[in-house]
Amino acid sequence: MVTLRTQAYIDYISCVAESGNQRANDKQFFEILSKAADAKTRIAIYGSSAVLQALAQFEKGKPVIDSAESANRFLNLVSVMRSENINKNDLINTDDLKLVLFGDYEW
């Protein structure tokens, strides 16, 4: 079950990353939305309550990283997902995670 959970998490995060590079009317964008829906369904089944709560917070409004607030919700989601798959004592600095995921981008 851990493998199914981890794969669902990875698939969702990948879809969010891919969607940032697509236009809303692009055919590939709709394919990404479909893959994201599939990943969210698997997260609803296999994911922990902490991940479901973080995902719900990110999904409020629109699940697009277009502001500091949405970026912080996304960072929280990734952090919670990460904590389930790695030793819980192996904490990562939020600023480091932000730099890895977003580079030096500022909103």
C-alpha atoms as a PDB file:
ATOM      1  CA  MET A   1       0.000   0.000   0.000  1.00  0.00           C
ATOM      2  CA  VAL A   2       2.883   2.389   0.678  1.00  0.00           C
ATOM      3  CA  THR A   3       3.975   2.115  -2.951  1.00  0.00           C
ATOM      4  CA  LEU A   4       0.460   2.946  -4.195  1.00  0.00           C
ATOM      5  CA  ARG A   5       0.293   5.891  -1.820  1.00  0.00           C
ATOM      6  CA  THR A   6       3.703   7.207  -2.786  1.00  0.00           C
ATOM      7  CA  GLN A   7       2.971   6.860  -6.499  1.00  0.00           C
ATOM      8  CA  ALA A   8      -0.310   8.763  -6.107  1.00  0.00           C
ATOM      9  CA  TYR A   9       1.539  11.562  -4.307  1.00  0.00           C
ATOM     10  CA  ILE A  10       4.228  11.726  -6.982  1.00  0.00           C
ATOM     11  CA  ASP A  11       1.656  11.697  -9.783  1.00  0.00           C
ATOM     12  CA  TYR A  12      -0.309  14.566  -8.251  1.00  0.00           C
ATOM     13  CA  ILE A  13       2.774  16.712  -7.638  1.00  0.00           C
ATOM     14  CA  SER A  14       3.918  16.046 -11.215  1.00  0.00           C
ATOM     15  CA  CYS A  15       0.535  17.133 -12.574  1.00  0.00           C
ATOM     16  CA  VAL A  16       0.667  20.385 -10.643  1.00  0.00           C
ATOM     17  CA  ALA A  17       4.162  21.031 -11.988  1.00  0.00           C
ATOM     18  CA  GLU A  18       3.142  20.190 -15.561  1.00  0.00           C
ATOM     19  CA  SER A  19      -0.017  22.298 -15.437  1.00  0.00           C
ATOM     20  CA  GLY A  20       2.029  25.420 -14.762  1.00  0.00           C
ATOM     21  CA  ASN A  21       3.529  25.106 -18.227  1.00  0.00           C
ATOM     22  CA  GLN A  22       0.251  24.688 -20.138  1.00  0.00           C
ATOM     23  CA  ARG A  23      -2.478  26.983 -21.363  1.00  0.00           C
ATOM     24  CA  ALA A  24      -6.019  26.402 -20.133  1.00  0.00           C
ATOM     25  CA  ASN A  25      -7.326  25.728 -23.651  1.00  0.00           C
ATOM     26  CA  ASP A  26      -4.477  23.402 -24.610  1.00  0.00           C
ATOM     27  CA  LYS A  27      -5.415  19.725 -25.174  1.00  0.00           C
ATOM     28  CA  GLN A  28      -2.460  18.640 -23.061  1.00  0.00           C
ATOM     29  CA  PHE A  29      -3.757  20.780 -20.185  1.00  0.00           C
ATOM     30  CA  PHE A  30      -6.991  18.761 -20.101  1.00  0.00           C
ATOM     31  CA  GLU A  31      -4.994  15.526 -20.144  1.00  0.00           C
ATOM     32  CA  ILE A  32      -3.027  16.786 -17.151  1.00  0.00           C
ATOM     33  CA  LEU A  33      -6.268  17.649 -15.333  1.00  0.00           C
ATOM     34  CA  SER A  34      -7.498  14.124 -15.994  1.00  0.00           C
ATOM     35  CA  LYS A  35      -4.276  12.637 -14.609  1.00  0.00           C
ATOM     36  CA  ALA A  36      -4.528  14.927 -11.572  1.00  0.00           C
ATOM     37  CA  ALA A  37      -8.095  13.765 -10.934  1.00  0.00           C
ATOM     38  CA  ASP A  38      -6.917  10.161 -11.088  1.00  0.00           C
ATOM     39  CA  ALA A  39      -4.089  10.894  -8.639  1.00  0.00           C
ATOM     40  CA  LYS A  40      -6.467  12.711  -6.272  1.00  0.00           C
ATOM     41  CA  THR A  41      -8.823   9.727  -6.334  1.00  0.00           C
ATOM     42  CA  ARG A  42      -5.960   7.425  -5.357  1.00  0.00           C
ATOM     43  CA  ILE A  43      -4.889   9.876  -2.641  1.00  0.00           C
ATOM     44  CA  ALA A  44      -8.460   9.860  -1.309  1.00  0.00           C
ATOM     45  CA  ILE A  45      -8.234   6.065  -1.007  1.00  0.00           C
ATOM     46  CA  TYR A  46      -4.613   5.502   0.031  1.00  0.00           C
ATOM     47  CA  GLY A  47      -3.544   8.840   1.487  1.00  0.00           C
ATOM     48  CA  SER A  48      -3.299   9.704   5.134  1.00  0.00           C
ATOM     49  CA  SER A  49      -5.688  12.087   6.819  1.00  0.00           C
ATOM     50  CA  ALA A  50      -2.853  14.637   7.136  1.00  0.00           C
ATOM     51  CA  VAL A  51      -2.225  14.555   3.377  1.00  0.00           C
ATOM     52  CA  LEU A  52      -5.948  14.753   2.610  1.00  0.00           C
ATOM     53  CA  GLN A  53      -6.224  17.803   4.843  1.00  0.00           C
ATOM     54  CA  ALA A  54      -3.190  19.478   3.208  1.00  0.00           C
ATOM     55  CA  LEU A  55      -4.531  18.605  -0.254  1.00  0.00           C
ATOM     56  CA  ALA A  56      -7.920  20.082   0.609  1.00  0.00           C
ATOM     57  CA  GLN A  57      -6.212  23.300   1.728  1.00  0.00           C
ATOM     58  CA  PHE A  58      -4.255  23.489  -1.534  1.00  0.00           C
ATOM     59  CA  GLU A  59      -7.332  22.705  -3.622  1.00  0.00           C
ATOM     60  CA  LYS A  60      -9.360  25.540  -2.064  1.00  0.00           C
ATOM     61  CA  GLY A  61     -10.151  28.018  -4.782  1.00  0.00           C
ATOM     62  CA  LYS A  62      -8.035  26.761  -7.649  1.00  0.00           C
ATOM     63  CA  PRO A  63      -5.093  24.412  -7.268  1.00  0.00           C
ATOM     64  CA  VAL A  64      -2.695  26.611  -9.200  1.00  0.00           C
ATOM     65  CA  ILE A  65       0.523  28.070  -7.871  1.00  0.00           C
ATOM     66  CA  ASP A  66       0.012  31.714  -8.752  1.00  0.00           C
ATOM     67  CA  SER A  67       0.572  33.524  -5.469  1.00  0.00           C
ATOM     68  CA  ALA A  68       2.662  33.332  -2.325  1.00  0.00           C
ATOM     69  CA  GLU A  69      -0.354  31.930  -0.474  1.00  0.00           C
ATOM     70  CA  SER A  70      -0.948  29.091  -2.953  1.00  0.00           C
ATOM     71  CA  ALA A  71       2.795  28.367  -3.076  1.00  0.00           C
ATOM     72  CA  ASN A  72       2.853  28.055   0.718  1.00  0.00           C
ATOM     73  CA  ARG A  73      -0.125  25.680   0.669  1.00  0.00           C
ATOM     74  CA  PHE A  74       1.646  23.612  -1.996  1.00  0.00           C
ATOM     75  CA  LEU A  75       4.875  23.570   0.038  1.00  0.00           C
ATOM     76  CA  ASN A  76       2.894  22.376   3.040  1.00  0.00           C
ATOM     77  CA  LEU A  77       1.335  19.589   0.950  1.00  0.00           C
ATOM     78  CA  VAL A  78       4.723  18.445  -0.333  1.00  0.00           C
ATOM     79  CA  SER A  79       6.169  18.586   3.189  1.00  0.00           C
ATOM     80  CA  VAL A  80       3.370  16.426   4.603  1.00  0.00           C
ATOM     81  CA  MET A  81       3.702  13.933   1.743  1.00  0.00           C
ATOM     82  CA  ARG A  82       7.448  13.859   2.220  1.00  0.00           C
ATOM     83  CA  SER A  83       7.200  13.273   5.968  1.00  0.00           C
ATOM     84  CA  GLU A  84       5.202  10.094   5.351  1.00  0.00           C
ATOM     85  CA  ASN A  85       7.768   8.614   3.013  1.00  0.00           C
ATOM     86  CA  ILE A  86      10.966   9.539   4.831  1.00  0.00           C
ATOM     87  CA  ASN A  87      12.021   9.274   8.439  1.00  0.00           C
ATOM     88  CA  LYS A  88       9.834  11.761  10.317  1.00  0.00           C
ATOM     89  CA  ASN A  89      12.938  13.093  12.073  1.00  0.00           C
ATOM     90  CA  ASP A  90      14.459  14.012   8.698  1.00  0.00           C
ATOM     91  CA  LEU A  91      12.928  17.479   8.466  1.00  0.00           C
ATOM     92  CA  ILE A  92      13.699  19.773   5.557  1.00  0.00           C
ATOM     93  CA  ASN A  93      13.954  23.523   5.761  1.00  0.00           C
ATOM     94  CA  THR A  94      10.956  25.150   4.064  1.00  0.00           C
ATOM     95  CA  ASP A  95      13.183  27.717   2.363  1.00  0.00           C
ATOM     96  CA  ASP A  96      15.295  24.904   0.892  1.00  0.00           C
ATOM     97  CA  LEU A  97      12.184  23.111  -0.360  1.00  0.00           C
ATOM     98  CA  LYS A  98      10.882  26.358  -1.866  1.00  0.00           C
ATOM     99  CA  LEU A  99      14.180  26.944  -3.663  1.00  0.00           C
ATOM    100  CA  VAL A 100      14.250  23.387  -5.021  1.00  0.00           C
ATOM    101  CA  LEU A 101      10.650  23.519  -6.277  1.00  0.00           C
ATOM    102  CA  PHE A 102      10.362  27.138  -7.428  1.00  0.00           C
ATOM    103  CA  GLY A 103      13.907  28.455  -7.780  1.00  0.00           C
ATOM    104  CA  ASP A 104      14.341  32.121  -6.889  1.00  0.00           C
ATOM    105  CA  TYR A 105      10.837  32.988  -8.115  1.00  0.00           C
ATOM    106  CA  GLU A 106       9.060  35.580  -5.990  1.00  0.00           C
ATOM    107  CA  TRP A 107       5.343  36.357  -6.074  1.00  0.00           C
END
